[in-house]
Protein backbone atom coordinates (compact mmCIF):
# COMPACT_ATOMS: atom_id res chain seq x y z
CA UNK A 1 72.27 -181.90 12.33
CA UNK A 2 76.68 -181.61 14.03
CA UNK A 3 77.64 -178.79 14.84
CA UNK A 4 80.72 -177.36 12.10
CA UNK A 5 83.71 -176.72 13.40
CA UNK A 6 86.80 -175.23 10.77
CA UNK A 7 90.36 -176.45 12.16
CA UNK A 8 92.36 -173.67 10.76
CA UNK A 9 96.06 -174.02 9.83
CA UNK A 10 99.25 -173.82 8.90
CA UNK A 11 100.77 -177.88 8.40
CA UNK A 12 98.24 -179.58 6.07
CA UNK A 13 98.95 -182.76 7.42
CA UNK A 14 97.91 -181.51 11.04
CA UNK A 15 94.75 -180.30 10.00
CA UNK A 16 93.69 -183.80 7.49
CA UNK A 17 95.04 -185.15 10.44
CA UNK A 18 92.87 -184.13 13.39
CA UNK A 19 88.92 -185.44 11.88
CA UNK A 20 90.83 -188.54 11.78
CA UNK A 21 91.92 -188.98 14.98
CA UNK A 22 88.43 -187.02 16.54
CA UNK A 23 85.90 -188.62 14.40
CA UNK A 24 83.51 -190.39 17.56
CA UNK A 25 83.61 -186.46 18.48
CA UNK A 26 79.87 -184.92 17.46
CA UNK A 27 81.19 -182.56 14.98
CA UNK A 28 81.80 -182.41 11.64
CA UNK A 29 84.99 -180.97 9.80
CA UNK A 30 86.27 -178.54 7.34
CA UNK A 31 89.34 -177.59 7.65
CA UNK A 32 91.32 -174.31 5.32
CA UNK A 33 95.34 -173.36 5.39
CA UNK A 34 94.46 -169.63 4.39
CA UNK A 35 92.80 -166.65 4.64
CA UNK A 36 91.47 -167.66 0.76
CA UNK A 37 90.62 -170.71 1.99
CA UNK A 38 89.13 -169.46 5.15
CA UNK A 39 86.84 -167.30 2.98
CA UNK A 40 85.71 -170.10 0.14
CA UNK A 41 84.54 -172.14 3.68
CA UNK A 42 82.90 -168.59 5.37
CA UNK A 43 80.55 -168.69 1.96
CA UNK A 44 80.03 -173.21 1.25
CA UNK A 45 79.23 -173.03 4.65
CA UNK A 46 76.44 -171.06 6.82
CA UNK A 47 76.33 -173.47 9.78
CA UNK A 48 79.87 -173.15 10.35
CA UNK A 49 79.99 -172.65 14.95
CA UNK A 50 83.80 -172.92 15.94
CA UNK A 51 87.06 -171.87 14.20
CA UNK A 52 89.92 -173.21 15.80
CA UNK A 53 93.12 -171.54 14.41
CA UNK A 54 96.63 -173.27 15.18
CA UNK A 55 99.72 -172.74 16.42
CA UNK A 56 101.52 -173.20 13.15
CA UNK A 57 100.01 -169.94 11.73
CA UNK A 58 102.32 -166.33 12.10
CA UNK A 59 101.12 -164.40 14.79
CA UNK A 60 99.59 -161.42 12.71
CA UNK A 61 98.02 -164.09 10.07
CA UNK A 62 96.41 -164.95 13.37
CA UNK A 63 95.08 -161.25 13.82
CA UNK A 64 94.38 -161.59 10.59
CA UNK A 65 91.88 -164.20 10.63
CA UNK A 66 90.14 -163.51 13.27
CA UNK A 67 89.60 -160.16 12.40
CA UNK A 68 88.46 -161.50 9.70
CA UNK A 69 86.62 -163.96 10.67
CA UNK A 70 84.91 -161.78 13.18
CA UNK A 71 84.12 -159.70 10.59
CA UNK A 72 82.11 -161.42 8.70
CA UNK A 73 80.44 -163.75 10.60
CA UNK A 74 80.71 -162.16 14.41
CA UNK A 75 77.88 -165.76 15.08
CA UNK A 76 80.69 -168.64 14.97
CA UNK A 77 82.78 -168.79 18.35
CA UNK A 78 87.34 -168.03 17.61
CA UNK A 79 89.84 -170.35 19.29
CA UNK A 80 93.39 -169.80 18.98
CA UNK A 81 95.96 -172.92 20.04
CA UNK A 82 99.01 -172.02 21.97
CA UNK A 83 102.48 -172.37 19.98
CA UNK A 84 104.28 -172.76 22.93
CA UNK A 85 102.81 -176.51 22.47
CA UNK A 86 103.63 -177.33 19.46
CA UNK A 87 101.64 -179.58 16.38
CA UNK A 88 101.24 -183.13 18.10
CA UNK A 89 99.39 -181.02 20.41
CA UNK A 90 97.10 -179.42 17.75
CA UNK A 91 94.64 -182.51 18.45
CA UNK A 92 94.08 -181.99 22.55
CA UNK A 93 92.89 -178.89 21.69
CA UNK A 94 90.11 -179.04 19.05
CA UNK A 95 89.23 -182.21 21.18
CA UNK A 96 88.40 -180.24 24.76
CA UNK A 97 87.61 -177.25 23.04
CA UNK A 98 84.83 -179.37 20.98
CA UNK A 99 84.23 -181.51 23.88
CA UNK A 100 83.48 -177.62 25.91
CA UNK A 101 80.91 -176.83 23.39
CA UNK A 102 78.92 -179.63 22.40
CA UNK A 103 79.09 -182.88 24.44
CA UNK A 104 79.33 -181.28 28.51
CA UNK A 105 77.68 -179.27 28.71
CA UNK A 106 74.97 -181.38 27.48
CA UNK A 107 75.60 -184.04 30.42
CA UNK A 108 72.92 -184.15 32.94
CA UNK A 109 73.65 -182.18 36.02
């Protein structure tokens, strides 16, 4: 079974575009844009393995989301993208995380 990655971000076009750009990676994608959608995804999908929060959300909201996810689902690995690289860097950030967690560590030594 493929791991499930939850992408969280303010910009809908980024959250919708990233899975299309990275469809070659061995994961299933979910998206969310606010607290309610994150909570819905956490309740609906027990197999979420990783949450990636974009840089466009305000810091207080990103902090609230980290706390909510960690409290509700301490089994989920949480990554927060930097703000300075901008929304165009989201796909590269996500790809690096997915490769690090699910692809590269599986390569034979």
